[in-house]
Amino acid sequence: MSKKTLAIIKPDAVKKNYTGQIITNISEAGFKIKAMKMVKLTTNSAEGFYEVHRERGFFRDLIEYMTSGPCIPIALEKENAVDEFRKLIGATDPAKAEKGTIRKLFAVNIQENAIHGSDSDDNAEKEISHFFSRNELLENYNG
């Protein structure tokens, strides 16, 4: 059980200016932000990040969506981070997400679902390193 996970505030939520509210929800849930930046994903970067979905029917639409505007990757820390964050963000389909979850509050549909969260400890490590160098992570920051 790792203490790290990755969040990405997706282009739809950035465009609608939900960034501050989402970050507030994350902080109020006890997560510490270890690194954060705004990026515009290139097609190559998005394809590399979502490589696991390459053979799925939605892959092209996912890449187009994730490269449609800026997004905000955030490296987070908390005990049992992956599971705790998945509870906070809710089901991928906002219609099925529990009341009060980030996706219930801010998502439009199953694709424009406001936020990404790592689905395993192994993927969290890979995903964090996709966006952040070791120097960018606040490993020794206790704030």
C-alpha atoms as a PDB file:
ATOM      1  CA  MET A   1       0.000   0.000   0.000  1.00  0.00           C
ATOM      2  CA  SER A   2       1.583   3.203  -1.234  1.00  0.00           C
ATOM      3  CA  LYS A   3       1.193   6.709   0.024  1.00  0.00           C
ATOM      4  CA  LYS A   4       1.258   8.184  -3.514  1.00  0.00           C
ATOM      5  CA  THR A   5      -1.226   8.660  -6.302  1.00  0.00           C
ATOM      6  CA  LEU A   6      -1.671  10.821  -9.358  1.00  0.00           C
ATOM      7  CA  ALA A   7      -4.605  13.072 -10.111  1.00  0.00           C
ATOM      8  CA  ILE A   8      -5.169  14.874 -13.376  1.00  0.00           C
ATOM      9  CA  ILE A   9      -7.704  17.665 -13.516  1.00  0.00           C
ATOM     10  CA  LYS A  10      -8.918  17.050 -17.057  1.00  0.00           C
ATOM     11  CA  PRO A  11      -9.452  19.598 -19.852  1.00  0.00           C
ATOM     12  CA  ASP A  12     -13.232  19.901 -19.340  1.00  0.00           C
ATOM     13  CA  ALA A  13     -12.826  20.847 -15.672  1.00  0.00           C
ATOM     14  CA  VAL A  14      -9.964  23.268 -16.413  1.00  0.00           C
ATOM     15  CA  LYS A  15     -12.020  24.928 -19.169  1.00  0.00           C
ATOM     16  CA  LYS A  16     -14.992  25.348 -16.807  1.00  0.00           C
ATOM     17  CA  ASN A  17     -12.718  26.868 -14.159  1.00  0.00           C
ATOM     18  CA  TYR A  18     -13.362  24.115 -11.585  1.00  0.00           C
ATOM     19  CA  THR A  19      -9.661  23.806 -10.778  1.00  0.00           C
ATOM     20  CA  GLY A  20      -9.728  25.713  -7.492  1.00  0.00           C
ATOM     21  CA  GLN A  21     -12.793  23.897  -6.189  1.00  0.00           C
ATOM     22  CA  ILE A  22     -11.350  20.496  -7.090  1.00  0.00           C
ATOM     23  CA  ILE A  23      -8.006  21.271  -5.441  1.00  0.00           C
ATOM     24  CA  THR A  24      -9.877  22.446  -2.335  1.00  0.00           C
ATOM     25  CA  ASN A  25     -11.804  19.153  -2.201  1.00  0.00           C
ATOM     26  CA  ILE A  26      -8.555  17.210  -2.534  1.00  0.00           C
ATOM     27  CA  SER A  27      -6.843  19.213   0.223  1.00  0.00           C
ATOM     28  CA  GLU A  28      -9.834  19.022   2.559  1.00  0.00           C
ATOM     29  CA  ALA A  29      -9.777  15.220   2.144  1.00  0.00           C
ATOM     30  CA  GLY A  30      -6.300  15.187   3.698  1.00  0.00           C
ATOM     31  CA  PHE A  31      -4.130  14.784   0.605  1.00  0.00           C
ATOM     32  CA  LYS A  32      -0.811  16.613   0.440  1.00  0.00           C
ATOM     33  CA  ILE A  33       0.194  18.057  -2.904  1.00  0.00           C
ATOM     34  CA  LYS A  34       3.742  16.957  -3.698  1.00  0.00           C
ATOM     35  CA  ALA A  35       3.897  18.414  -7.240  1.00  0.00           C
ATOM     36  CA  MET A  36       1.485  20.176  -9.585  1.00  0.00           C
ATOM     37  CA  LYS A  37       1.638  21.897 -12.971  1.00  0.00           C
ATOM     38  CA  MET A  38      -0.541  22.874 -15.887  1.00  0.00           C
ATOM     39  CA  VAL A  39       0.340  21.185 -19.199  1.00  0.00           C
ATOM     40  CA  LYS A  40      -1.107  20.792 -22.672  1.00  0.00           C
ATOM     41  CA  LEU A  41      -0.555  17.153 -23.568  1.00  0.00           C
ATOM     42  CA  THR A  42       0.877  16.340 -26.960  1.00  0.00           C
ATOM     43  CA  THR A  43      -0.584  13.424 -28.867  1.00  0.00           C
ATOM     44  CA  ASN A  44       2.577  11.391 -28.188  1.00  0.00           C
ATOM     45  CA  SER A  45       2.473  12.114 -24.461  1.00  0.00           C
ATOM     46  CA  ALA A  46      -1.226  11.263 -24.198  1.00  0.00           C
ATOM     47  CA  GLU A  47      -0.775   8.053 -26.197  1.00  0.00           C
ATOM     48  CA  GLY A  48       2.108   7.035 -23.935  1.00  0.00           C
ATOM     49  CA  PHE A  49       0.144   7.795 -20.798  1.00  0.00           C
ATOM     50  CA  TYR A  50      -2.939   5.878 -21.958  1.00  0.00           C
ATOM     51  CA  GLU A  51      -1.010   3.058 -23.692  1.00  0.00           C
ATOM     52  CA  VAL A  52      -2.908   0.471 -21.635  1.00  0.00           C
ATOM     53  CA  HIS A  53      -6.108   1.475 -23.487  1.00  0.00           C
ATOM     54  CA  ARG A  54      -4.625   1.469 -27.013  1.00  0.00           C
ATOM     55  CA  GLU A  55      -6.686  -1.515 -28.218  1.00  0.00           C
ATOM     56  CA  ARG A  56      -9.971  -0.233 -26.815  1.00  0.00           C
ATOM     57  CA  GLY A  57     -12.590   1.425 -28.997  1.00  0.00           C
ATOM     58  CA  PHE A  58     -12.515   4.688 -27.071  1.00  0.00           C
ATOM     59  CA  PHE A  59      -8.720   5.205 -27.339  1.00  0.00           C
ATOM     60  CA  ARG A  60      -8.763   7.771 -30.206  1.00  0.00           C
ATOM     61  CA  ASP A  61     -11.562   9.785 -28.578  1.00  0.00           C
ATOM     62  CA  LEU A  62      -9.699   9.716 -25.258  1.00  0.00           C
ATOM     63  CA  ILE A  63      -6.491  11.026 -26.866  1.00  0.00           C
ATOM     64  CA  GLU A  64      -8.397  13.753 -28.731  1.00  0.00           C
ATOM     65  CA  TYR A  65     -10.142  14.793 -25.525  1.00  0.00           C
ATOM     66  CA  MET A  66      -6.998  14.797 -23.364  1.00  0.00           C
ATOM     67  CA  THR A  67      -5.127  16.920 -25.939  1.00  0.00           C
ATOM     68  CA  SER A  68      -8.046  19.354 -26.425  1.00  0.00           C
ATOM     69  CA  GLY A  69      -6.864  21.805 -23.775  1.00  0.00           C
ATOM     70  CA  PRO A  70      -4.684  22.189 -20.719  1.00  0.00           C
ATOM     71  CA  CYS A  71      -4.868  19.726 -17.849  1.00  0.00           C
ATOM     72  CA  ILE A  72      -3.331  19.728 -14.378  1.00  0.00           C
ATOM     73  CA  PRO A  73      -1.435  16.657 -13.190  1.00  0.00           C
ATOM     74  CA  ILE A  74      -0.982  16.539  -9.404  1.00  0.00           C
ATOM     75  CA  ALA A  75       1.192  14.137  -7.415  1.00  0.00           C
ATOM     76  CA  LEU A  76      -0.569  13.451  -4.123  1.00  0.00           C
ATOM     77  CA  GLU A  77       0.358  11.821  -0.843  1.00  0.00           C
ATOM     78  CA  LYS A  78      -1.784  10.234   1.862  1.00  0.00           C
ATOM     79  CA  GLU A  79      -1.985   6.868   3.610  1.00  0.00           C
ATOM     80  CA  ASN A  80      -3.644   4.353   1.271  1.00  0.00           C
ATOM     81  CA  ALA A  81      -3.581   7.097  -1.381  1.00  0.00           C
ATOM     82  CA  VAL A  82      -4.904   5.194  -4.407  1.00  0.00           C
ATOM     83  CA  ASP A  83      -7.975   3.761  -2.679  1.00  0.00           C
ATOM     84  CA  GLU A  84      -8.703   6.936  -0.733  1.00  0.00           C
ATOM     85  CA  PHE A  85      -8.476   9.072  -3.868  1.00  0.00           C
ATOM     86  CA  ARG A  86     -10.680   6.707  -5.885  1.00  0.00           C
ATOM     87  CA  LYS A  87     -13.340   7.075  -3.158  1.00  0.00           C
ATOM     88  CA  LEU A  88     -13.013  10.861  -3.290  1.00  0.00           C
ATOM     89  CA  ILE A  89     -13.419  11.112  -7.062  1.00  0.00           C
ATOM     90  CA  GLY A  90     -16.252   8.591  -7.459  1.00  0.00           C
ATOM     91  CA  ALA A  91     -17.260   6.285 -10.298  1.00  0.00           C
ATOM     92  CA  THR A  92     -15.964   6.955 -13.818  1.00  0.00           C
ATOM     93  CA  ASP A  93     -19.543   7.560 -14.941  1.00  0.00           C
ATOM     94  CA  PRO A  94     -20.740  10.611 -12.975  1.00  0.00           C
ATOM     95  CA  ALA A  95     -24.339   9.339 -13.195  1.00  0.00           C
ATOM     96  CA  LYS A  96     -23.203   6.406 -11.020  1.00  0.00           C
ATOM     97  CA  ALA A  97     -20.912   8.420  -8.724  1.00  0.00           C
ATOM     98  CA  GLU A  98     -21.868   8.900  -5.102  1.00  0.00           C
ATOM     99  CA  LYS A  99     -23.158  12.257  -3.916  1.00  0.00           C
ATOM    100  CA  GLY A 100     -20.357  14.634  -2.908  1.00  0.00           C
ATOM    101  CA  THR A 101     -17.656  12.972  -5.020  1.00  0.00           C
ATOM    102  CA  ILE A 102     -15.624  15.112  -7.403  1.00  0.00           C
ATOM    103  CA  ARG A 103     -17.123  13.466 -10.480  1.00  0.00           C
ATOM    104  CA  LYS A 104     -20.684  13.833  -9.168  1.00  0.00           C
ATOM    105  CA  LEU A 105     -20.010  17.529  -8.557  1.00  0.00           C
ATOM    106  CA  PHE A 106     -18.010  18.468 -11.656  1.00  0.00           C
ATOM    107  CA  ALA A 107     -18.175  15.810 -14.399  1.00  0.00           C
ATOM    108  CA  VAL A 108     -20.311  15.983 -17.540  1.00  0.00           C
ATOM    109  CA  ASN A 109     -20.314  12.358 -18.679  1.00  0.00           C
ATOM    110  CA  ILE A 110     -18.211   9.191 -18.702  1.00  0.00           C
ATOM    111  CA  GLN A 111     -15.575  10.768 -20.996  1.00  0.00           C
ATOM    112  CA  GLU A 112     -15.621  14.349 -19.715  1.00  0.00           C
ATOM    113  CA  ASN A 113     -15.389  13.159 -16.137  1.00  0.00           C
ATOM    114  CA  ALA A 114     -13.346  16.028 -14.675  1.00  0.00           C
ATOM    115  CA  ILE A 115     -10.526  14.066 -13.061  1.00  0.00           C
ATOM    116  CA  HIS A 116      -8.217  11.083 -13.395  1.00  0.00           C
ATOM    117  CA  GLY A 117      -7.017   8.988 -10.480  1.00  0.00           C
ATOM    118  CA  SER A 118      -4.462   6.177 -10.535  1.00  0.00           C
ATOM    119  CA  ASP A 119      -6.046   2.735 -10.287  1.00  0.00           C
ATOM    120  CA  SER A 120      -3.183   0.900  -8.558  1.00  0.00           C
ATOM    121  CA  ASP A 121       0.011   1.562  -6.631  1.00  0.00           C
ATOM    122  CA  ASP A 122       2.124   0.376  -9.576  1.00  0.00           C
ATOM    123  CA  ASN A 123       0.293   2.643 -12.003  1.00  0.00           C
ATOM    124  CA  ALA A 124       0.544   5.555  -9.576  1.00  0.00           C
ATOM    125  CA  GLU A 125       4.356   5.318  -9.640  1.00  0.00           C
ATOM    126  CA  LYS A 126       4.418   5.082 -13.462  1.00  0.00           C
ATOM    127  CA  GLU A 127       1.924   7.897 -13.899  1.00  0.00           C
ATOM    128  CA  ILE A 128       3.682  10.253 -11.503  1.00  0.00           C
ATOM    129  CA  SER A 129       6.976   9.696 -13.315  1.00  0.00           C
ATOM    130  CA  HIS A 130       5.250  10.408 -16.652  1.00  0.00           C
ATOM    131  CA  PHE A 131       4.619  13.983 -15.527  1.00  0.00           C
ATOM    132  CA  PHE A 132       7.184  14.777 -12.839  1.00  0.00           C
ATOM    133  CA  SER A 133      10.933  14.423 -12.512  1.00  0.00           C
ATOM    134  CA  ARG A 134      12.429  13.455  -9.166  1.00  0.00           C
ATOM    135  CA  ASN A 135      13.501  17.094  -8.681  1.00  0.00           C
ATOM    136  CA  GLU A 136       9.949  18.334  -9.154  1.00  0.00           C
ATOM    137  CA  LEU A 137       8.519  16.137  -6.415  1.00  0.00           C
ATOM    138  CA  LEU A 138       8.552  17.652  -2.963  1.00  0.00           C
ATOM    139  CA  GLU A 139       9.847  14.483  -1.313  1.00  0.00           C
ATOM    140  CA  ASN A 140      11.231  16.259   1.729  1.00  0.00           C
ATOM    141  CA  TYR A 141       8.433  18.777   2.098  1.00  0.00           C
ATOM    142  CA  ASN A 142       6.264  18.165   5.144  1.00  0.00           C
ATOM    143  CA  GLY A 143       3.813  21.047   4.731  1.00  0.00           C
END
